[in-house]
């Protein structure tokens, strides 16, 4: 009797142990989301309405083109079979609360295996906690603040990646361009201080510029009248103005500066890379204007990858491809590269592989993802004359 009970007890214990181990194994395998059937769902957390919808709409087109191209080529190869891609679009309405909510919907309800977006730094940062909880990689096409991919502890955010360069990276390039190419020795800074984007760029430009910063002034998102600030600047001696911010405000700054007779070069950041800039400023005013960008249409003359992308974009949307469409296009291809590298549709596996991308030939340049989840690639500086891009400079 005792032996029998002992054996039964041991049997129950063994069964319990197997169950626990199975549970652990199941839990480990269950980490993250997985594709179902023959479809890979990629979430899109994007500013499709609200204050920066111009970026979101451009990025949506780049994503659409990338998904179409991938699917027409048969899809993404995983474990010997081709799987089609489906983009799940959700509008974060250009707000941080909307972005956090959309992130939760995409990873928890839609069960996507990766997310592309949002467009801005603040919205992207707001989405990090929810994608991290779900172990789903998020690739922002254009969130440039250096701190976006980093935790406060100094460790990298495991599920946050970007296709664009950082503020430090592009502001450093702009500072070198101003000093070396434009021969500027005295620069005035007029920056957007309503977000980390503008303040981060201004700070990085200051630390990299070899000349003198004669004045630093700020404005807020939504400001319309810059005449008082520009009048105070006009009385100072400067060779150029560095104005990091978004096209909506910078367009007005360019317009009002030119109208009061300020003809000095105005240098900005990738937030100016929207056709609306010239419309807001007025074509004749948008002259002697420069801005850093990861993508230049002028590179199509020498780069077949860019030439093909621009041709495909023109056929699909009957328009010239803008920078933000190119960045989102590359973001989708980063997800594709990570899936194929991982040979898995598990989101946690995809995130690990994303951090190991090397020499991916994107339309915004050949890129490798560094230890801080930032892409290493060349910066372009585009020059505008009469509202049109007339030249592009390459800054390493």
Protein backbone atom coordinates (compact mmCIF):
# COMPACT_ATOMS: atom_id res chain seq x y z
CA UNK A 1 0.00 0.00 0.00
CA UNK A 2 2.71 2.44 0.96
CA UNK A 3 4.73 1.67 -2.17
CA UNK A 4 1.63 2.01 -4.30
CA UNK A 5 0.78 5.40 -2.81
CA UNK A 6 4.39 6.45 -3.11
CA UNK A 7 4.45 5.52 -6.80
CA UNK A 8 1.17 7.36 -7.38
CA UNK A 9 2.52 10.39 -5.55
CA UNK A 10 5.71 10.26 -7.60
CA UNK A 11 3.61 9.92 -10.73
CA UNK A 12 1.58 13.01 -9.83
CA UNK A 13 4.78 14.91 -9.02
CA UNK A 14 6.34 13.95 -12.34
CA UNK A 15 3.19 14.88 -14.19
CA UNK A 16 3.10 18.19 -12.37
CA UNK A 17 6.75 18.82 -13.24
CA UNK A 18 6.09 18.05 -16.91
CA UNK A 19 3.12 20.40 -16.84
CA UNK A 20 5.19 23.17 -15.28
CA UNK A 21 7.99 22.63 -17.79
CA UNK A 22 5.50 22.56 -20.63
CA UNK A 23 3.98 25.74 -19.31
CA UNK A 24 7.39 27.40 -19.18
CA UNK A 25 8.17 26.22 -22.68
CA UNK A 26 4.80 27.39 -23.93
CA UNK A 27 5.30 30.73 -22.23
CA UNK A 28 8.73 31.12 -23.78
CA UNK A 29 7.41 30.26 -27.23
CA UNK A 30 4.41 32.53 -26.70
CA UNK A 31 6.58 35.64 -26.21
CA UNK A 32 5.63 38.13 -28.90
CA UNK A 33 3.19 37.82 -31.79
CA UNK A 34 3.30 35.35 -34.68
CA UNK A 35 1.94 35.46 -38.20
CA UNK A 36 -1.07 33.27 -38.90
CA UNK A 37 -1.68 31.42 -42.14
CA UNK A 38 0.29 32.77 -45.06
CA UNK A 39 0.00 36.45 -44.17
CA UNK A 40 2.46 38.66 -42.28
CA UNK A 41 0.71 41.62 -40.68
CA UNK A 42 2.73 44.80 -40.23
CA UNK A 43 1.11 47.55 -38.18
CA UNK A 44 1.25 51.20 -39.20
CA UNK A 45 0.99 53.73 -36.37
CA UNK A 46 0.83 56.97 -38.30
CA UNK A 47 -0.15 60.64 -38.16
CA UNK A 48 -2.88 60.52 -40.81
CA UNK A 49 -4.77 63.51 -39.40
CA UNK A 50 -3.88 66.38 -37.10
CA UNK A 51 -1.03 68.89 -37.09
CA UNK A 52 1.61 66.80 -38.90
CA UNK A 53 -0.64 64.75 -41.17
CA UNK A 54 1.51 65.88 -44.12
CA UNK A 55 4.27 63.58 -42.91
CA UNK A 56 1.88 60.73 -42.22
CA UNK A 57 0.27 60.84 -45.65
CA UNK A 58 3.66 60.79 -47.36
CA UNK A 59 4.83 57.90 -45.23
CA UNK A 60 1.64 55.96 -45.87
CA UNK A 61 2.35 56.14 -49.60
CA UNK A 62 5.88 54.86 -49.13
CA UNK A 63 4.55 51.94 -47.09
CA UNK A 64 1.89 51.15 -49.68
CA UNK A 65 4.49 51.09 -52.45
CA UNK A 66 6.85 48.83 -50.47
CA UNK A 67 4.08 46.37 -49.59
CA UNK A 68 2.92 46.27 -53.22
CA UNK A 69 6.45 45.63 -54.49
CA UNK A 70 7.14 42.90 -51.93
CA UNK A 71 3.86 41.12 -52.67
CA UNK A 72 4.28 41.36 -56.44
CA UNK A 73 7.68 39.71 -56.03
CA UNK A 74 6.00 36.82 -54.19
CA UNK A 75 6.20 38.05 -50.61
CA UNK A 76 8.69 37.43 -47.82
CA UNK A 77 10.46 34.08 -47.68
CA UNK A 78 10.20 32.36 -44.29
CA UNK A 79 11.19 28.76 -43.61
CA UNK A 80 11.12 27.89 -47.30
CA UNK A 81 7.76 29.46 -48.15
CA UNK A 82 6.68 32.85 -49.45
CA UNK A 83 4.26 34.85 -47.29
CA UNK A 84 2.31 37.90 -48.38
CA UNK A 85 2.41 41.15 -46.40
CA UNK A 86 -0.63 43.02 -45.11
CA UNK A 87 -0.31 46.54 -43.70
CA UNK A 88 -2.77 47.42 -40.92
CA UNK A 89 -3.21 51.20 -40.84
CA UNK A 90 -4.30 53.15 -37.76
CA UNK A 91 -4.41 56.92 -37.31
CA UNK A 92 -2.77 58.30 -34.15
CA UNK A 93 -4.15 61.78 -34.97
CA UNK A 94 -0.77 63.44 -34.40
CA UNK A 95 -0.99 63.04 -30.62
CA UNK A 96 1.02 61.17 -28.01
CA UNK A 97 -2.09 59.69 -26.38
CA UNK A 98 -3.36 58.59 -29.77
CA UNK A 99 -0.02 57.02 -30.60
CA UNK A 100 0.10 55.05 -27.34
CA UNK A 101 -3.48 53.86 -27.88
CA UNK A 102 -2.84 52.84 -31.51
CA UNK A 103 0.28 50.93 -30.48
CA UNK A 104 -1.76 48.92 -27.98
CA UNK A 105 -4.46 48.18 -30.58
CA UNK A 106 -1.96 47.04 -33.19
CA UNK A 107 0.04 44.68 -30.97
CA UNK A 108 -2.78 43.37 -28.76
CA UNK A 109 -5.84 43.33 -31.01
CA UNK A 110 -4.42 43.18 -34.54
CA UNK A 111 -1.53 40.91 -33.49
CA UNK A 112 0.96 42.50 -35.88
CA UNK A 113 4.55 41.17 -35.85
CA UNK A 114 6.18 44.58 -36.38
CA UNK A 115 5.14 48.23 -36.46
CA UNK A 116 6.18 51.03 -38.83
CA UNK A 117 5.78 54.54 -37.43
CA UNK A 118 4.98 56.94 -35.94
CA UNK A 119 6.51 59.86 -37.82
CA UNK A 120 7.49 62.23 -35.01
CA UNK A 121 9.77 61.76 -32.01
CA UNK A 122 7.15 62.52 -29.36
CA UNK A 123 4.53 60.20 -30.86
CA UNK A 124 7.09 57.44 -31.37
CA UNK A 125 8.36 57.71 -27.80
CA UNK A 126 4.80 57.48 -26.48
CA UNK A 127 4.32 54.16 -28.31
CA UNK A 128 7.42 52.44 -26.87
CA UNK A 129 5.91 51.07 -23.61
CA UNK A 130 3.10 49.22 -25.38
CA UNK A 131 5.22 47.65 -28.13
CA UNK A 132 7.81 46.66 -25.53
CA UNK A 133 5.24 44.88 -23.37
CA UNK A 134 4.15 42.91 -26.42
CA UNK A 135 7.73 42.21 -27.64
CA UNK A 136 7.04 43.79 -31.03
CA UNK A 137 9.69 45.78 -32.92
CA UNK A 138 8.76 49.31 -33.98
CA UNK A 139 10.62 51.12 -36.79
CA UNK A 140 10.03 54.85 -37.01
CA UNK A 141 10.80 56.38 -40.40
CA UNK A 142 11.54 59.85 -39.04
CA UNK A 143 11.80 60.17 -35.22
CA UNK A 144 15.22 61.79 -35.02
CA UNK A 145 15.76 62.60 -31.35
CA UNK A 146 18.88 60.77 -30.13
CA UNK A 147 17.18 59.64 -26.92
CA UNK A 148 14.31 57.87 -28.68
CA UNK A 149 16.05 54.48 -28.85
CA UNK A 150 17.63 54.78 -25.39
CA UNK A 151 16.31 54.11 -21.90
CA UNK A 152 17.03 56.53 -19.05
CA UNK A 153 19.41 53.94 -17.61
CA UNK A 154 21.57 54.27 -20.72
CA UNK A 155 20.56 50.89 -22.14
CA UNK A 156 19.09 50.59 -25.60
CA UNK A 157 15.33 50.22 -26.01
CA UNK A 158 15.08 46.58 -27.22
CA UNK A 159 12.07 47.15 -29.51
CA UNK A 160 12.68 50.71 -30.79
CA UNK A 161 14.45 51.23 -34.12
CA UNK A 162 14.62 53.93 -36.77
CA UNK A 163 15.29 54.30 -40.49
CA UNK A 164 16.40 57.94 -40.21
CA UNK A 165 19.52 59.43 -38.71
CA UNK A 166 19.49 61.13 -35.30
CA UNK A 167 19.29 64.83 -34.52
CA UNK A 168 22.92 64.82 -33.37
CA UNK A 169 23.93 63.15 -36.62
CA UNK A 170 22.12 65.55 -38.95
CA UNK A 171 22.80 68.71 -36.90
CA UNK A 172 26.51 67.86 -36.91
CA UNK A 173 26.38 67.50 -40.68
CA UNK A 174 24.53 70.83 -40.98
CA UNK A 175 27.13 72.55 -38.78
CA UNK A 176 29.99 71.20 -40.91
CA UNK A 177 28.15 72.20 -44.08
CA UNK A 178 27.54 75.75 -42.82
CA UNK A 179 31.17 76.24 -41.83
CA UNK A 180 32.94 74.39 -44.64
CA UNK A 181 30.69 74.74 -47.70
CA UNK A 182 28.83 78.02 -47.03
CA UNK A 183 31.87 79.52 -45.24
CA UNK A 184 29.60 80.79 -42.46
CA UNK A 185 31.44 81.97 -39.36
CA UNK A 186 28.58 83.62 -37.46
CA UNK A 187 25.22 81.85 -37.19
CA UNK A 188 21.94 82.81 -35.53
CA UNK A 189 19.72 79.97 -34.29
CA UNK A 190 15.91 80.13 -34.36
CA UNK A 191 14.52 76.81 -33.13
CA UNK A 192 11.25 75.11 -32.21
CA UNK A 193 11.27 74.51 -28.44
CA UNK A 194 7.89 72.82 -28.22
CA UNK A 195 9.46 69.38 -28.72
CA UNK A 196 12.71 67.49 -28.22
CA UNK A 197 13.14 67.61 -31.98
CA UNK A 198 13.88 71.33 -32.27
CA UNK A 199 15.74 71.76 -29.00
CA UNK A 200 17.87 68.66 -29.64
CA UNK A 201 18.89 69.88 -33.08
CA UNK A 202 19.75 73.34 -31.79
CA UNK A 203 21.89 71.91 -28.99
CA UNK A 204 23.72 69.53 -31.34
CA UNK A 205 24.36 72.27 -33.91
CA UNK A 206 25.86 74.50 -31.21
CA UNK A 207 28.21 71.78 -30.01
CA UNK A 208 29.40 70.98 -33.55
CA UNK A 209 29.67 74.43 -35.14
CA UNK A 210 33.25 75.75 -35.22
CA UNK A 211 32.23 79.39 -35.65
CA UNK A 212 30.27 81.73 -33.35
CA UNK A 213 26.61 81.46 -32.38
CA UNK A 214 25.53 85.11 -32.22
CA UNK A 215 21.97 84.53 -30.99
CA UNK A 216 19.66 81.68 -29.97
CA UNK A 217 15.91 82.26 -29.98
CA UNK A 218 12.93 79.93 -29.88
CA UNK A 219 9.36 79.63 -31.10
CA UNK A 220 6.40 77.34 -30.39
CA UNK A 221 4.57 74.91 -32.64
CA UNK A 222 1.58 76.73 -34.12
CA UNK A 223 3.18 80.20 -34.05
CA UNK A 224 2.30 82.31 -37.09
CA UNK A 225 3.98 85.69 -36.61
CA UNK A 226 7.79 85.68 -36.42
CA UNK A 227 8.35 89.31 -37.36
CA UNK A 228 9.35 90.51 -33.89
CA UNK A 229 11.93 87.75 -33.52
CA UNK A 230 13.30 88.23 -37.00
CA UNK A 231 13.50 92.00 -36.50
CA UNK A 232 15.66 91.46 -33.40
CA UNK A 233 17.87 89.09 -35.38
CA UNK A 234 18.17 91.48 -38.30
CA UNK A 235 20.10 93.90 -36.11
CA UNK A 236 22.80 91.32 -35.46
CA UNK A 237 25.66 90.42 -37.76
CA UNK A 238 25.32 86.84 -39.01
CA UNK A 239 26.23 84.80 -42.08
CA UNK A 240 23.37 82.27 -41.85
CA UNK A 241 20.34 81.25 -39.80
CA UNK A 242 19.98 77.72 -38.49
CA UNK A 243 16.24 77.06 -38.08
CA UNK A 244 15.45 73.47 -37.05
CA UNK A 245 11.74 72.65 -36.99
CA UNK A 246 8.81 71.49 -39.09
CA UNK A 247 7.77 72.84 -42.49
CA UNK A 248 4.58 74.46 -41.14
CA UNK A 249 6.50 77.03 -39.04
CA UNK A 250 9.78 77.15 -41.00
CA UNK A 251 7.86 77.99 -44.18
CA UNK A 252 6.48 81.08 -42.48
CA UNK A 253 9.89 81.99 -41.06
CA UNK A 254 11.41 81.84 -44.55
CA UNK A 255 8.58 83.94 -45.97
CA UNK A 256 8.70 86.63 -43.29
CA UNK A 257 12.51 86.75 -43.25
CA UNK A 258 12.69 87.33 -46.99
CA UNK A 259 9.89 89.90 -46.88
CA UNK A 260 11.86 92.02 -44.38
CA UNK A 261 15.03 91.82 -46.45
CA UNK A 262 16.96 89.02 -44.74
CA UNK A 263 18.74 87.29 -47.62
CA UNK A 264 21.23 85.16 -45.65
CA UNK A 265 21.14 81.38 -46.09
CA UNK A 266 18.53 79.63 -43.97
CA UNK A 267 19.63 76.14 -42.99
CA UNK A 268 17.22 73.63 -41.49
CA UNK A 269 16.52 69.99 -40.77
CA UNK A 270 14.63 67.10 -42.31
CA UNK A 271 11.37 68.48 -40.92
CA UNK A 272 11.49 70.93 -43.84
CA UNK A 273 11.39 68.09 -46.37
CA UNK A 274 7.82 68.61 -47.54
CA UNK A 275 6.54 70.24 -50.77
CA UNK A 276 4.28 72.38 -48.57
CA UNK A 277 7.34 74.36 -47.41
CA UNK A 278 7.66 76.20 -50.73
CA UNK A 279 3.91 76.79 -50.89
CA UNK A 280 3.87 78.32 -47.41
CA UNK A 281 7.02 80.40 -47.98
CA UNK A 282 6.21 81.35 -51.55
CA UNK A 283 8.42 80.03 -54.32
CA UNK A 284 10.45 83.21 -54.80
CA UNK A 285 11.13 83.42 -51.06
CA UNK A 286 12.31 79.80 -50.85
CA UNK A 287 15.74 80.66 -52.24
CA UNK A 288 19.12 80.21 -50.56
CA UNK A 289 17.42 77.64 -48.33
CA UNK A 290 19.13 74.40 -47.29
CA UNK A 291 18.07 71.43 -45.18
CA UNK A 292 19.51 68.10 -44.13
CA UNK A 293 17.80 64.99 -45.45
CA UNK A 294 18.46 61.25 -45.65
CA UNK A 295 17.10 61.15 -49.20
CA UNK A 296 17.61 63.35 -52.23
CA UNK A 297 15.89 63.01 -55.57
CA UNK A 298 19.09 64.33 -57.13
CA UNK A 299 20.84 61.06 -56.24
CA UNK A 300 18.73 59.26 -58.86
CA UNK A 301 21.24 60.45 -61.45
CA UNK A 302 23.86 58.09 -60.04
CA UNK A 303 21.93 55.51 -58.00
CA UNK A 304 19.84 52.88 -59.82
CA UNK A 305 18.00 51.86 -56.63
CA UNK A 306 16.79 55.44 -56.14
CA UNK A 307 15.96 55.79 -59.82
CA UNK A 308 13.75 52.67 -59.75
CA UNK A 309 12.02 53.78 -56.56
CA UNK A 310 11.26 57.21 -57.99
CA UNK A 311 9.94 55.71 -61.21
CA UNK A 312 7.69 53.27 -59.33
CA UNK A 313 6.44 56.05 -57.07
CA UNK A 314 5.66 58.29 -60.05
CA UNK A 315 3.67 55.51 -61.75
CA UNK A 316 1.66 54.70 -58.64
CA UNK A 317 0.96 58.19 -57.28
CA UNK A 318 1.63 60.48 -60.25
CA UNK A 319 3.99 62.58 -58.14
CA UNK A 320 7.66 62.91 -57.30
CA UNK A 321 8.72 60.82 -54.32
CA UNK A 322 9.36 62.92 -51.18
CA UNK A 323 11.85 62.14 -48.42
CA UNK A 324 9.31 60.84 -45.95
CA UNK A 325 7.93 58.33 -48.45
CA UNK A 326 11.46 57.07 -49.07
CA UNK A 327 12.08 56.64 -45.33
CA UNK A 328 8.87 54.71 -44.74
CA UNK A 329 9.59 52.57 -47.81
CA UNK A 330 12.96 51.65 -46.30
CA UNK A 331 11.29 51.01 -42.93
CA UNK A 332 9.15 48.27 -44.46
CA UNK A 333 12.21 46.76 -46.12
CA UNK A 334 14.01 46.80 -42.76
CA UNK A 335 11.17 44.67 -41.39
CA UNK A 336 11.46 42.37 -44.41
CA UNK A 337 15.23 42.06 -43.94
CA UNK A 338 14.80 41.23 -40.25
CA UNK A 339 12.13 38.59 -40.92
CA UNK A 340 14.31 36.89 -43.52
CA UNK A 341 17.39 37.13 -41.31
CA UNK A 342 15.48 35.60 -38.37
CA UNK A 343 13.73 33.11 -40.69
CA UNK A 344 10.78 33.60 -38.37
CA UNK A 345 7.56 35.57 -38.10
CA UNK A 346 7.78 35.75 -34.31
CA UNK A 347 7.96 39.42 -33.32
CA UNK A 348 10.60 38.88 -30.62
CA UNK A 349 12.83 37.06 -33.13
CA UNK A 350 12.28 39.82 -35.66
CA UNK A 351 13.35 42.47 -33.13
CA UNK A 352 16.61 40.64 -32.41
CA UNK A 353 17.36 40.31 -36.12
CA UNK A 354 16.50 43.97 -36.72
CA UNK A 355 19.45 44.97 -34.57
CA UNK A 356 21.78 42.92 -36.76
CA UNK A 357 20.95 44.42 -40.17
CA UNK A 358 24.14 45.13 -42.10
CA UNK A 359 24.65 46.89 -45.45
CA UNK A 360 20.98 46.90 -46.44
CA UNK A 361 20.72 48.65 -49.81
CA UNK A 362 17.87 51.11 -49.18
CA UNK A 363 16.66 54.03 -51.25
CA UNK A 364 17.92 56.40 -48.54
CA UNK A 365 21.35 54.80 -48.74
CA UNK A 366 23.18 51.65 -47.75
CA UNK A 367 22.56 51.22 -44.04
CA UNK A 368 23.67 49.17 -41.08
CA UNK A 369 21.94 49.25 -37.69
CA UNK A 370 24.34 50.18 -34.89
CA UNK A 371 24.33 49.17 -31.21
CA UNK A 372 21.91 51.99 -30.37
CA UNK A 373 19.45 50.89 -33.08
CA UNK A 374 20.33 53.82 -35.35
CA UNK A 375 21.19 53.48 -39.05
CA UNK A 376 24.65 54.48 -40.22
CA UNK A 377 24.43 56.27 -43.57
CA UNK A 378 25.36 59.47 -45.42
CA UNK A 379 23.51 62.79 -44.88
CA UNK A 380 22.42 64.88 -47.87
CA UNK A 381 21.92 68.65 -47.79
CA UNK A 382 19.41 69.87 -50.38
CA UNK A 383 19.46 73.40 -51.75
CA UNK A 384 16.27 75.23 -52.74
CA UNK A 385 16.06 78.03 -55.27
CA UNK A 386 12.69 79.54 -56.20
CA UNK A 387 10.98 76.74 -54.29
CA UNK A 388 12.70 73.96 -56.21
CA UNK A 389 15.50 71.59 -55.24
CA UNK A 390 18.40 72.51 -57.49
CA UNK A 391 21.32 70.73 -55.89
CA UNK A 392 22.26 68.17 -53.26
CA UNK A 393 25.46 68.02 -51.21
CA UNK A 394 26.75 64.86 -49.56
CA UNK A 395 28.08 65.16 -46.00
CA UNK A 396 29.71 62.12 -44.42
